[in-house]
Amino acid sequence: MPATSADATVRILAAVRAIPRGQVAGYGEVARLAGLPGRARLAAKVLSQNEDPDLPWHRVLRSDGRIALPEGSKGYREQCRRLRAEGVAVERGRVRRPRAVSDLDAAVWGPQSP
């Protein structure tokens, strides 16, 4: 059964609150953690409408690690400031993240030799 709009919002906000201090997640990851795979745009919309000052919205980035807000905007500067205060390295509006591992074998054994 599809999630209602209110239910989806609650689930997305809970997923954002679960991101540990000093770590980041992409909008798609947030949606997946909320049980809404493929709904990255919904996650972005929910966050854009957030009014809770305690929500760690600053820990959510684009899938490539970039800040989604316009460069130089008040929100952009605030997100950079908050991330850096948590020890996250932000360079030119981007957080370098380790590449996701596609399967368990690769995570355990590393890439196969040619």
PDB file of N, CA and C in Angstrom:
ATOM      1  N   MET A   1       0.845  -1.171   0.000  1.00  0.00           N
ATOM      2  CA  MET A   1       0.000   0.000   0.000  1.00  0.00           C
ATOM      3  C   MET A   1       0.898   1.245   0.000  1.00  0.00           C
ATOM      4  N   PRO A   2       0.653   2.203  -0.915  1.00  0.00           N
ATOM      5  CA  PRO A   2       1.486   3.395  -0.980  1.00  0.00           C
ATOM      6  C   PRO A   2       1.341   4.249   0.281  1.00  0.00           C
ATOM      7  N   ALA A   3       2.430   4.927   0.633  1.00  0.00           N
ATOM      8  CA  ALA A   3       2.414   5.798   1.803  1.00  0.00           C
ATOM      9  C   ALA A   3       1.608   7.052   1.508  1.00  0.00           C
ATOM     10  N   THR A   4       0.874   7.512   2.499  1.00  0.00           N
ATOM     11  CA  THR A   4       0.162   8.777   2.345  1.00  0.00           C
ATOM     12  C   THR A   4       1.192   9.897   2.394  1.00  0.00           C
ATOM     13  N   SER A   5       0.790  11.064   1.953  1.00  0.00           N
ATOM     14  CA  SER A   5       1.696  12.207   1.956  1.00  0.00           C
ATOM     15  C   SER A   5       2.201  12.502   3.366  1.00  0.00           C
ATOM     16  N   ALA A   6       1.294  12.503   4.343  1.00  0.00           N
ATOM     17  CA  ALA A   6       1.685  12.783   5.727  1.00  0.00           C
ATOM     18  C   ALA A   6       2.600  11.683   6.260  1.00  0.00           C
ATOM     19  N   ASP A   7       2.285  10.427   5.938  1.00  0.00           N
ATOM     20  CA  ASP A   7       3.104   9.303   6.379  1.00  0.00           C
ATOM     21  C   ASP A   7       4.492   9.390   5.747  1.00  0.00           C
ATOM     22  N   ALA A   8       4.551   9.704   4.476  1.00  0.00           N
ATOM     23  CA  ALA A   8       5.835   9.824   3.778  1.00  0.00           C
ATOM     24  C   ALA A   8       6.670  10.934   4.404  1.00  0.00           C
ATOM     25  N   THR A   9       6.049  12.044   4.725  1.00  0.00           N
ATOM     26  CA  THR A   9       6.762  13.158   5.354  1.00  0.00           C
ATOM     27  C   THR A   9       7.346  12.742   6.687  1.00  0.00           C
ATOM     28  N   VAL A  10       6.560  12.078   7.502  1.00  0.00           N
ATOM     29  CA  VAL A  10       7.032  11.618   8.820  1.00  0.00           C
ATOM     30  C   VAL A  10       8.217  10.671   8.645  1.00  0.00           C
ATOM     31  N   ARG A  11       8.128   9.765   7.701  1.00  0.00           N
ATOM     32  CA  ARG A  11       9.191   8.783   7.477  1.00  0.00           C
ATOM     33  C   ARG A  11      10.471   9.452   6.971  1.00  0.00           C
ATOM     34  N   ILE A  12      10.334  10.423   6.082  1.00  0.00           N
ATOM     35  CA  ILE A  12      11.505  11.135   5.561  1.00  0.00           C
ATOM     36  C   ILE A  12      12.171  11.937   6.676  1.00  0.00           C
ATOM     37  N   LEU A  13      11.388  12.636   7.462  1.00  0.00           N
ATOM     38  CA  LEU A  13      11.958  13.421   8.559  1.00  0.00           C
ATOM     39  C   LEU A  13      12.652  12.518   9.580  1.00  0.00           C
ATOM     40  N   ALA A  14      12.085  11.353   9.849  1.00  0.00           N
ATOM     41  CA  ALA A  14      12.719  10.398  10.777  1.00  0.00           C
ATOM     42  C   ALA A  14      14.054   9.911  10.207  1.00  0.00           C
ATOM     43  N   ALA A  15      14.103   9.667   8.896  1.00  0.00           N
ATOM     44  CA  ALA A  15      15.344   9.219   8.266  1.00  0.00           C
ATOM     45  C   ALA A  15      16.418  10.303   8.359  1.00  0.00           C
ATOM     46  N   VAL A  16      16.036  11.551   8.177  1.00  0.00           N
ATOM     47  CA  VAL A  16      16.993  12.657   8.288  1.00  0.00           C
ATOM     48  C   VAL A  16      17.508  12.763   9.720  1.00  0.00           C
ATOM     49  N   ARG A  17      16.620  12.636  10.685  1.00  0.00           N
ATOM     50  CA  ARG A  17      17.030  12.707  12.098  1.00  0.00           C
ATOM     51  C   ARG A  17      17.986  11.561  12.471  1.00  0.00           C
ATOM     52  N   ALA A  18      17.928  10.466  11.734  1.00  0.00           N
ATOM     53  CA  ALA A  18      18.763   9.300  12.036  1.00  0.00           C
ATOM     54  C   ALA A  18      20.176   9.412  11.461  1.00  0.00           C
ATOM     55  N   ILE A  19      20.441  10.407  10.628  1.00  0.00           N
ATOM     56  CA  ILE A  19      21.791  10.568  10.075  1.00  0.00           C
ATOM     57  C   ILE A  19      22.706  11.024  11.213  1.00  0.00           C
ATOM     58  N   PRO A  20      23.744  10.261  11.509  1.00  0.00           N
ATOM     59  CA  PRO A  20      24.617  10.607  12.637  1.00  0.00           C
ATOM     60  C   PRO A  20      25.363  11.930  12.421  1.00  0.00           C
ATOM     61  N   ARG A  21      25.649  12.597  13.500  1.00  0.00           N
ATOM     62  CA  ARG A  21      26.436  13.832  13.470  1.00  0.00           C
ATOM     63  C   ARG A  21      27.766  13.557  12.762  1.00  0.00           C
ATOM     64  N   GLY A  22      28.166  14.453  11.884  1.00  0.00           N
ATOM     65  CA  GLY A  22      29.426  14.304  11.167  1.00  0.00           C
ATOM     66  C   GLY A  22      29.335  13.431   9.933  1.00  0.00           C
ATOM     67  N   GLN A  23      28.133  12.952   9.607  1.00  0.00           N
ATOM     68  CA  GLN A  23      27.939  12.133   8.411  1.00  0.00           C
ATOM     69  C   GLN A  23      26.893  12.789   7.522  1.00  0.00           C
ATOM     70  N   VAL A  24      26.861  12.381   6.276  1.00  0.00           N
ATOM     71  CA  VAL A  24      25.902  12.931   5.323  1.00  0.00           C
ATOM     72  C   VAL A  24      25.232  11.798   4.556  1.00  0.00           C
ATOM     73  N   ALA A  25      24.127  12.132   3.908  1.00  0.00           N
ATOM     74  CA  ALA A  25      23.401  11.181   3.057  1.00  0.00           C
ATOM     75  C   ALA A  25      22.836  11.952   1.878  1.00  0.00           C
ATOM     76  N   GLY A  26      22.607  11.246   0.787  1.00  0.00           N
ATOM     77  CA  GLY A  26      21.978  11.851  -0.378  1.00  0.00           C
ATOM     78  C   GLY A  26      20.459  11.809  -0.233  1.00  0.00           C
ATOM     79  N   TYR A  27      19.781  12.632  -1.027  1.00  0.00           N
ATOM     80  CA  TYR A  27      18.312  12.641  -0.991  1.00  0.00           C
ATOM     81  C   TYR A  27      17.752  11.255  -1.302  1.00  0.00           C
ATOM     82  N   GLY A  28      18.356  10.553  -2.252  1.00  0.00           N
ATOM     83  CA  GLY A  28      17.903   9.214  -2.590  1.00  0.00           C
ATOM     84  C   GLY A  28      18.093   8.230  -1.449  1.00  0.00           C
ATOM     85  N   GLU A  29      19.201   8.359  -0.737  1.00  0.00           N
ATOM     86  CA  GLU A  29      19.444   7.497   0.419  1.00  0.00           C
ATOM     87  C   GLU A  29      18.404   7.752   1.502  1.00  0.00           C
ATOM     88  N   VAL A  30      18.084   9.026   1.722  1.00  0.00           N
ATOM     89  CA  VAL A  30      17.075   9.370   2.719  1.00  0.00           C
ATOM     90  C   VAL A  30      15.744   8.734   2.337  1.00  0.00           C
ATOM     91  N   ALA A  31      15.371   8.859   1.073  1.00  0.00           N
ATOM     92  CA  ALA A  31      14.107   8.272   0.616  1.00  0.00           C
ATOM     93  C   ALA A  31      14.111   6.754   0.803  1.00  0.00           C
ATOM     94  N   ARG A  32      15.221   6.117   0.452  1.00  0.00           N
ATOM     95  CA  ARG A  32      15.316   4.660   0.601  1.00  0.00           C
ATOM     96  C   ARG A  32      15.213   4.255   2.069  1.00  0.00           C
ATOM     97  N   LEU A  33      15.920   4.978   2.942  1.00  0.00           N
ATOM     98  CA  LEU A  33      15.861   4.683   4.376  1.00  0.00           C
ATOM     99  C   LEU A  33      14.457   4.898   4.939  1.00  0.00           C
ATOM    100  N   ALA A  34      13.708   5.791   4.312  1.00  0.00           N
ATOM    101  CA  ALA A  34      12.325   6.052   4.740  1.00  0.00           C
ATOM    102  C   ALA A  34      11.356   5.025   4.162  1.00  0.00           C
ATOM    103  N   GLY A  35      11.883   4.069   3.392  1.00  0.00           N
ATOM    104  CA  GLY A  35      11.020   3.066   2.775  1.00  0.00           C
ATOM    105  C   GLY A  35      10.342   3.569   1.520  1.00  0.00           C
ATOM    106  N   LEU A  36      10.953   4.578   0.889  1.00  0.00           N
ATOM    107  CA  LEU A  36      10.386   5.191  -0.312  1.00  0.00           C
ATOM    108  C   LEU A  36      11.430   5.230  -1.428  1.00  0.00           C
ATOM    109  N   PRO A  37      11.924   4.064  -1.848  1.00  0.00           N
ATOM    110  CA  PRO A  37      12.970   4.056  -2.870  1.00  0.00           C
ATOM    111  C   PRO A  37      12.514   4.770  -4.137  1.00  0.00           C
ATOM    112  N   GLY A  38      13.440   5.493  -4.747  1.00  0.00           N
ATOM    113  CA  GLY A  38      13.130   6.204  -5.974  1.00  0.00           C
ATOM    114  C   GLY A  38      12.421   7.534  -5.766  1.00  0.00           C
ATOM    115  N   ARG A  39      12.290   7.960  -4.532  1.00  0.00           N
ATOM    116  CA  ARG A  39      11.549   9.194  -4.235  1.00  0.00           C
ATOM    117  C   ARG A  39      12.468  10.305  -3.722  1.00  0.00           C
ATOM    118  N   ALA A  40      13.639  10.445  -4.312  1.00  0.00           N
ATOM    119  CA  ALA A  40      14.595  11.478  -3.898  1.00  0.00           C
ATOM    120  C   ALA A  40      13.996  12.869  -4.008  1.00  0.00           C
ATOM    121  N   ARG A  41      13.232  13.112  -5.057  1.00  0.00           N
ATOM    122  CA  ARG A  41      12.629  14.442  -5.214  1.00  0.00           C
ATOM    123  C   ARG A  41      11.619  14.736  -4.110  1.00  0.00           C
ATOM    124  N   LEU A  42      10.920  13.713  -3.673  1.00  0.00           N
ATOM    125  CA  LEU A  42       9.995  13.896  -2.563  1.00  0.00           C
ATOM    126  C   LEU A  42      10.765  14.265  -1.297  1.00  0.00           C
ATOM    127  N   ALA A  43      11.887  13.588  -1.064  1.00  0.00           N
ATOM    128  CA  ALA A  43      12.712  13.910   0.104  1.00  0.00           C
ATOM    129  C   ALA A  43      13.176  15.366   0.034  1.00  0.00           C
ATOM    130  N   ALA A  44      13.597  15.814  -1.136  1.00  0.00           N
ATOM    131  CA  ALA A  44      14.030  17.201  -1.301  1.00  0.00           C
ATOM    132  C   ALA A  44      12.874  18.165  -1.044  1.00  0.00           C
ATOM    133  N   LYS A  45      11.701  17.820  -1.530  1.00  0.00           N
ATOM    134  CA  LYS A  45      10.527  18.682  -1.332  1.00  0.00           C
ATOM    135  C   LYS A  45      10.169  18.789   0.146  1.00  0.00           C
ATOM    136  N   VAL A  46      10.182  17.652   0.839  1.00  0.00           N
ATOM    137  CA  VAL A  46       9.859  17.650   2.264  1.00  0.00           C
ATOM    138  C   VAL A  46      10.853  18.530   3.024  1.00  0.00           C
ATOM    139  N   LEU A  47      12.139  18.395   2.705  1.00  0.00           N
ATOM    140  CA  LEU A  47      13.140  19.195   3.402  1.00  0.00           C
ATOM    141  C   LEU A  47      13.005  20.679   3.074  1.00  0.00           C
ATOM    142  N   SER A  48      12.612  20.994   1.851  1.00  0.00           N
ATOM    143  CA  SER A  48      12.466  22.405   1.478  1.00  0.00           C
ATOM    144  C   SER A  48      11.317  23.071   2.233  1.00  0.00           C
ATOM    145  N   GLN A  49      10.375  22.270   2.725  1.00  0.00           N
ATOM    146  CA  GLN A  49       9.223  22.801   3.450  1.00  0.00           C
ATOM    147  C   GLN A  49       9.376  22.690   4.972  1.00  0.00           C
ATOM    148  N   ASN A  50      10.520  22.199   5.418  1.00  0.00           N
ATOM    149  CA  ASN A  50      10.751  21.994   6.838  1.00  0.00           C
ATOM    150  C   ASN A  50      10.819  23.315   7.599  1.00  0.00           C
ATOM    151  N   GLU A  51      10.219  23.332   8.779  1.00  0.00           N
ATOM    152  CA  GLU A  51      10.280  24.510   9.643  1.00  0.00           C
ATOM    153  C   GLU A  51      10.830  24.178  11.026  1.00  0.00           C
ATOM    154  N   ASP A  52      11.291  22.940  11.214  1.00  0.00           N
ATOM    155  CA  ASP A  52      11.849  22.513  12.501  1.00  0.00           C
ATOM    156  C   ASP A  52      13.319  22.924  12.565  1.00  0.00           C
ATOM    157  N   PRO A  53      13.676  23.876  13.430  1.00  0.00           N
ATOM    158  CA  PRO A  53      15.061  24.336  13.489  1.00  0.00           C
ATOM    159  C   PRO A  53      16.035  23.270  14.006  1.00  0.00           C
ATOM    160  N   ASP A  54      15.522  22.223  14.648  1.00  0.00           N
ATOM    161  CA  ASP A  54      16.389  21.164  15.183  1.00  0.00           C
ATOM    162  C   ASP A  54      16.632  20.027  14.200  1.00  0.00           C
ATOM    163  N   LEU A  55      15.966  20.037  13.058  1.00  0.00           N
ATOM    164  CA  LEU A  55      16.159  18.978  12.061  1.00  0.00           C
ATOM    165  C   LEU A  55      17.537  19.139  11.422  1.00  0.00           C
ATOM    166  N   PRO A  56      18.343  18.088  11.377  1.00  0.00           N
ATOM    167  CA  PRO A  56      19.677  18.204  10.785  1.00  0.00           C
ATOM    168  C   PRO A  56      19.649  18.140   9.242  1.00  0.00           C
ATOM    169  N   TRP A  57      18.884  19.042   8.652  1.00  0.00           N
ATOM    170  CA  TRP A  57      18.712  19.102   7.196  1.00  0.00           C
ATOM    171  C   TRP A  57      20.037  19.266   6.466  1.00  0.00           C
ATOM    172  N   HIS A  58      21.003  19.874   7.138  1.00  0.00           N
ATOM    173  CA  HIS A  58      22.293  20.169   6.511  1.00  0.00           C
ATOM    174  C   HIS A  58      23.084  18.909   6.176  1.00  0.00           C
ATOM    175  N   ARG A  59      22.690  17.769   6.702  1.00  0.00           N
ATOM    176  CA  ARG A  59      23.405  16.511   6.447  1.00  0.00           C
ATOM    177  C   ARG A  59      22.945  15.834   5.164  1.00  0.00           C
ATOM    178  N   VAL A  60      22.010  16.448   4.442  1.00  0.00           N
ATOM    179  CA  VAL A  60      21.482  15.846   3.212  1.00  0.00           C
ATOM    180  C   VAL A  60      22.015  16.626   2.004  1.00  0.00           C
ATOM    181  N   LEU A  61      22.591  15.869   1.067  1.00  0.00           N
ATOM    182  CA  LEU A  61      23.229  16.444  -0.109  1.00  0.00           C
ATOM    183  C   LEU A  61      22.721  15.775  -1.381  1.00  0.00           C
ATOM    184  N   ARG A  62      23.138  16.301  -2.509  1.00  0.00           N
ATOM    185  CA  ARG A  62      22.867  15.625  -3.782  1.00  0.00           C
ATOM    186  C   ARG A  62      23.651  14.316  -3.810  1.00  0.00           C
ATOM    187  N   SER A  63      23.302  13.452  -4.721  1.00  0.00           N
ATOM    188  CA  SER A  63      23.944  12.137  -4.781  1.00  0.00           C
ATOM    189  C   SER A  63      25.442  12.219  -5.066  1.00  0.00           C
ATOM    190  N   ASP A  64      25.882  13.311  -5.710  1.00  0.00           N
ATOM    191  CA  ASP A  64      27.308  13.462  -6.006  1.00  0.00           C
ATOM    192  C   ASP A  64      28.055  14.198  -4.893  1.00  0.00           C
ATOM    193  N   GLY A  65      27.381  14.448  -3.769  1.00  0.00           N
ATOM    194  CA  GLY A  65      28.011  15.093  -2.633  1.00  0.00           C
ATOM    195  C   GLY A  65      27.944  16.609  -2.644  1.00  0.00           C
ATOM    196  N   ARG A  66      27.281  17.181  -3.642  1.00  0.00           N
ATOM    197  CA  ARG A  66      27.181  18.643  -3.712  1.00  0.00           C
ATOM    198  C   ARG A  66      26.011  19.163  -2.892  1.00  0.00           C
ATOM    199  N   ILE A  67      26.188  20.368  -2.396  1.00  0.00           N
ATOM    200  CA  ILE A  67      25.106  21.077  -1.728  1.00  0.00           C
ATOM    201  C   ILE A  67      24.112  21.500  -2.799  1.00  0.00           C
ATOM    202  N   ALA A  68      22.828  21.293  -2.550  1.00  0.00           N
ATOM    203  CA  ALA A  68      21.798  21.544  -3.551  1.00  0.00           C
ATOM    204  C   ALA A  68      21.371  23.014  -3.621  1.00  0.00           C
ATOM    205  N   LEU A  69      21.669  23.782  -2.609  1.00  0.00           N
ATOM    206  CA  LEU A  69      21.260  25.189  -2.585  1.00  0.00           C
ATOM    207  C   LEU A  69      22.155  26.018  -3.501  1.00  0.00           C
ATOM    208  N   PRO A  70      21.641  27.148  -3.994  1.00  0.00           N
ATOM    209  CA  PRO A  70      22.463  27.987  -4.880  1.00  0.00           C
ATOM    210  C   PRO A  70      23.737  28.463  -4.171  1.00  0.00           C
ATOM    211  N   GLU A  71      24.865  28.319  -4.865  1.00  0.00           N
ATOM    212  CA  GLU A  71      26.148  28.712  -4.300  1.00  0.00           C
ATOM    213  C   GLU A  71      26.121  30.177  -3.867  1.00  0.00           C
ATOM    214  N   GLY A  72      26.607  30.424  -2.666  1.00  0.00           N
ATOM    215  CA  GLY A  72      26.659  31.778  -2.146  1.00  0.00           C
ATOM    216  C   GLY A  72      25.395  32.237  -1.432  1.00  0.00           C
ATOM    217  N   SER A  73      24.305  31.478  -1.553  1.00  0.00           N
ATOM    218  CA  SER A  73      23.056  31.865  -0.885  1.00  0.00           C
ATOM    219  C   SER A  73      23.207  31.709   0.623  1.00  0.00           C
ATOM    220  N   LYS A  74      22.305  32.322   1.362  1.00  0.00           N
ATOM    221  CA  LYS A  74      22.325  32.230   2.826  1.00  0.00           C
ATOM    222  C   LYS A  74      22.245  30.763   3.273  1.00  0.00           C
ATOM    223  N   GLY A  75      21.340  29.983   2.652  1.00  0.00           N
ATOM    224  CA  GLY A  75      21.201  28.572   3.000  1.00  0.00           C
ATOM    225  C   GLY A  75      22.448  27.771   2.691  1.00  0.00           C
ATOM    226  N   TYR A  76      23.080  28.075   1.566  1.00  0.00           N
ATOM    227  CA  TYR A  76      24.322  27.401   1.164  1.00  0.00           C
ATOM    228  C   TYR A  76      25.411  27.656   2.212  1.00  0.00           C
ATOM    229  N   ARG A  77      25.564  28.902   2.578  1.00  0.00           N
ATOM    230  CA  ARG A  77      26.590  29.251   3.567  1.00  0.00           C
ATOM    231  C   ARG A  77      26.287  28.598   4.915  1.00  0.00           C
ATOM    232  N   GLU A  78      25.002  28.565   5.295  1.00  0.00           N
ATOM    233  CA  GLU A  78      24.608  27.941   6.557  1.00  0.00           C
ATOM    234  C   GLU A  78      24.877  26.441   6.538  1.00  0.00           C
ATOM    235  N   GLN A  79      24.591  25.785   5.423  1.00  0.00           N
ATOM    236  CA  GLN A  79      24.834  24.343   5.325  1.00  0.00           C
ATOM    237  C   GLN A  79      26.327  24.056   5.423  1.00  0.00           C
ATOM    238  N   CYS A  80      27.145  24.829   4.724  1.00  0.00           N
ATOM    239  CA  CYS A  80      28.600  24.653   4.815  1.00  0.00           C
ATOM    240  C   CYS A  80      29.071  24.844   6.255  1.00  0.00           C
ATOM    241  N   ARG A  81      28.588  25.891   6.913  1.00  0.00           N
ATOM    242  CA  ARG A  81      28.988  26.186   8.285  1.00  0.00           C
ATOM    243  C   ARG A  81      28.617  25.036   9.224  1.00  0.00           C
ATOM    244  N   ARG A  82      27.381  24.548   9.108  1.00  0.00           N
ATOM    245  CA  ARG A  82      26.928  23.464   9.987  1.00  0.00           C
ATOM    246  C   ARG A  82      27.712  22.175   9.752  1.00  0.00           C
ATOM    247  N   LEU A  83      27.950  21.847   8.496  1.00  0.00           N
ATOM    248  CA  LEU A  83      28.713  20.630   8.195  1.00  0.00           C
ATOM    249  C   LEU A  83      30.129  20.734   8.749  1.00  0.00           C
ATOM    250  N   ARG A  84      30.775  21.861   8.514  1.00  0.00           N
ATOM    251  CA  ARG A  84      32.145  22.041   9.014  1.00  0.00           C
ATOM    252  C   ARG A  84      32.185  21.996  10.538  1.00  0.00           C
ATOM    253  N   ALA A  85      31.166  22.533  11.198  1.00  0.00           N
ATOM    254  CA  ALA A  85      31.102  22.496  12.667  1.00  0.00           C
ATOM    255  C   ALA A  85      31.023  21.065  13.185  1.00  0.00           C
ATOM    256  N   GLU A  86      30.543  20.138  12.335  1.00  0.00           N
ATOM    257  CA  GLU A  86      30.464  18.721  12.712  1.00  0.00           C
ATOM    258  C   GLU A  86      31.693  17.941  12.245  1.00  0.00           C
ATOM    259  N   GLY A  87      32.667  18.647  11.678  1.00  0.00           N
ATOM    260  CA  GLY A  87      33.889  17.989  11.244  1.00  0.00           C
ATOM    261  C   GLY A  87      33.850  17.442   9.827  1.00  0.00           C
ATOM    262  N   VAL A  88      32.834  17.815   9.054  1.00  0.00           N
ATOM    263  CA  VAL A  88      32.720  17.351   7.668  1.00  0.00           C
ATOM    264  C   VAL A  88      33.513  18.309   6.776  1.00  0.00           C
ATOM    265  N   ALA A  89      34.387  17.761   5.955  1.00  0.00           N
ATOM    266  CA  ALA A  89      35.178  18.577   5.032  1.00  0.00           C
ATOM    267  C   ALA A  89      34.317  18.972   3.832  1.00  0.00           C
ATOM    268  N   VAL A  90      34.149  20.272   3.650  1.00  0.00           N
ATOM    269  CA  VAL A  90      33.385  20.802   2.515  1.00  0.00           C
ATOM    270  C   VAL A  90      34.348  21.624   1.677  1.00  0.00           C
ATOM    271  N   GLU A  91      34.508  21.230   0.421  1.00  0.00           N
ATOM    272  CA  GLU A  91      35.390  21.951  -0.492  1.00  0.00           C
ATOM    273  C   GLU A  91      34.602  22.359  -1.724  1.00  0.00           C
ATOM    274  N   ARG A  92      34.528  23.657  -1.946  1.00  0.00           N
ATOM    275  CA  ARG A  92      33.798  24.215  -3.096  1.00  0.00           C
ATOM    276  C   ARG A  92      32.386  23.641  -3.193  1.00  0.00           C
ATOM    277  N   GLY A  93      31.717  23.569  -2.041  1.00  0.00           N
ATOM    278  CA  GLY A  93      30.330  23.137  -2.023  1.00  0.00           C
ATOM    279  C   GLY A  93      30.106  21.649  -2.188  1.00  0.00           C
ATOM    280  N   ARG A  94      31.142  20.875  -1.989  1.00  0.00           N
ATOM    281  CA  ARG A  94      31.033  19.420  -2.161  1.00  0.00           C
ATOM    282  C   ARG A  94      31.681  18.691  -0.995  1.00  0.00           C
ATOM    283  N   VAL A  95      31.057  17.584  -0.622  1.00  0.00           N
ATOM    284  CA  VAL A  95      31.603  16.689   0.393  1.00  0.00           C
ATOM    285  C   VAL A  95      32.042  15.430  -0.334  1.00  0.00           C
ATOM    286  N   ARG A  96      33.293  15.092  -0.192  1.00  0.00           N
ATOM    287  CA  ARG A  96      33.800  13.857  -0.808  1.00  0.00           C
ATOM    288  C   ARG A  96      33.358  12.679   0.042  1.00  0.00           C
ATOM    289  N   ARG A  97      32.713  11.751  -0.607  1.00  0.00           N
ATOM    290  CA  ARG A  97      32.212  10.575   0.102  1.00  0.00           C
ATOM    291  C   ARG A  97      32.829   9.327  -0.499  1.00  0.00           C
ATOM    292  N   PRO A  98      33.032   8.292   0.321  1.00  0.00           N
ATOM    293  CA  PRO A  98      33.528   7.034  -0.243  1.00  0.00           C
ATOM    294  C   PRO A  98      32.500   6.472  -1.214  1.00  0.00           C
ATOM    295  N   ARG A  99      32.991   5.840  -2.248  1.00  0.00           N
ATOM    296  CA  ARG A  99      32.076   5.226  -3.213  1.00  0.00           C
ATOM    297  C   ARG A  99      31.280   4.115  -2.546  1.00  0.00           C
ATOM    298  N   ALA A 100      30.012   4.043  -2.894  1.00  0.00           N
ATOM    299  CA  ALA A 100      29.166   2.972  -2.369  1.00  0.00           C
ATOM    300  C   ALA A 100      29.604   1.647  -2.986  1.00  0.00           C
ATOM    301  N   VAL A 101      29.570   0.618  -2.192  1.00  0.00           N
ATOM    302  CA  VAL A 101      29.920  -0.708  -2.678  1.00  0.00           C
ATOM    303  C   VAL A 101      28.650  -1.364  -3.198  1.00  0.00           C
ATOM    304  N   SER A 102      28.736  -1.922  -4.407  1.00  0.00           N
ATOM    305  CA  SER A 102      27.536  -2.447  -5.044  1.00  0.00           C
ATOM    306  C   SER A 102      27.097  -3.807  -4.516  1.00  0.00           C
ATOM    307  N   ASP A 103      28.026  -4.580  -3.965  1.00  0.00           N
ATOM    308  CA  ASP A 103      27.606  -5.878  -3.436  1.00  0.00           C
ATOM    309  C   ASP A 103      28.491  -6.298  -2.267  1.00  0.00           C
ATOM    310  N   LEU A 104      28.035  -7.273  -1.538  1.00  0.00           N
ATOM    311  CA  LEU A 104      28.734  -7.720  -0.349  1.00  0.00           C
ATOM    312  C   LEU A 104      30.115  -8.294  -0.664  1.00  0.00           C
ATOM    313  N   ASP A 105      30.252  -9.056  -1.761  1.00  0.00           N
ATOM    314  CA  ASP A 105      31.555  -9.615  -2.113  1.00  0.00           C
ATOM    315  C   ASP A 105      32.583  -8.500  -2.319  1.00  0.00           C
ATOM    316  N   ALA A 106      32.196  -7.438  -3.012  1.00  0.00           N
ATOM    317  CA  ALA A 106      33.111  -6.327  -3.242  1.00  0.00           C
ATOM    318  C   ALA A 106      33.476  -5.642  -1.929  1.00  0.00           C
ATOM    319  N   ALA A 107      32.519  -5.576  -1.008  1.00  0.00           N
ATOM    320  CA  ALA A 107      32.794  -4.936   0.278  1.00  0.00           C
ATOM    321  C   ALA A 107      33.778  -5.764   1.098  1.00  0.00           C
ATOM    322  N   VAL A 108      33.647  -7.072   1.032  1.00  0.00           N
ATOM    323  CA  VAL A 108      34.490  -7.935   1.840  1.00  0.00           C
ATOM    324  C   VAL A 108      35.834  -8.203   1.174  1.00  0.00           C
ATOM    325  N   TRP A 109      35.815  -8.525  -0.132  1.00  0.00           N
ATOM    326  CA  TRP A 109      37.013  -8.975  -0.818  1.00  0.00           C
ATOM    327  C   TRP A 109      37.664  -7.921  -1.695  1.00  0.00           C
ATOM    328  N   GLY A 110      36.991  -6.811  -1.920  1.00  0.00           N
ATOM    329  CA  GLY A 110      37.541  -5.771  -2.786  1.00  0.00           C
ATOM    330  C   GLY A 110      37.286  -6.113  -4.251  1.00  0.00           C
ATOM    331  N   PRO A 111      37.716  -5.219  -5.149  1.00  0.00           N
ATOM    332  CA  PRO A 111      37.484  -5.475  -6.574  1.00  0.00           C
ATOM    333  C   PRO A 111      38.298  -6.665  -7.063  1.00  0.00           C
ATOM    334  N   GLN A 112      37.747  -7.366  -8.032  1.00  0.00           N
ATOM    335  CA  GLN A 112      38.451  -8.532  -8.588  1.00  0.00           C
ATOM    336  C   GLN A 112      39.590  -8.061  -9.488  1.00  0.00           C
ATOM    337  N   SER A 113      40.686  -8.795  -9.449  1.00  0.00           N
ATOM    338  CA  SER A 113      41.824  -8.482 -10.327  1.00  0.00           C
ATOM    339  C   SER A 113      41.510  -8.899 -11.746  1.00  0.00           C
ATOM    340  N   PRO A 114      42.051  -8.152 -12.726  1.00  0.00           N
ATOM    341  CA  PRO A 114      41.787  -8.532 -14.129  1.00  0.00           C
ATOM    342  C   PRO A 114      42.457  -9.802 -14.533  1.00  0.00           C
TER     343      PRO A 114
END
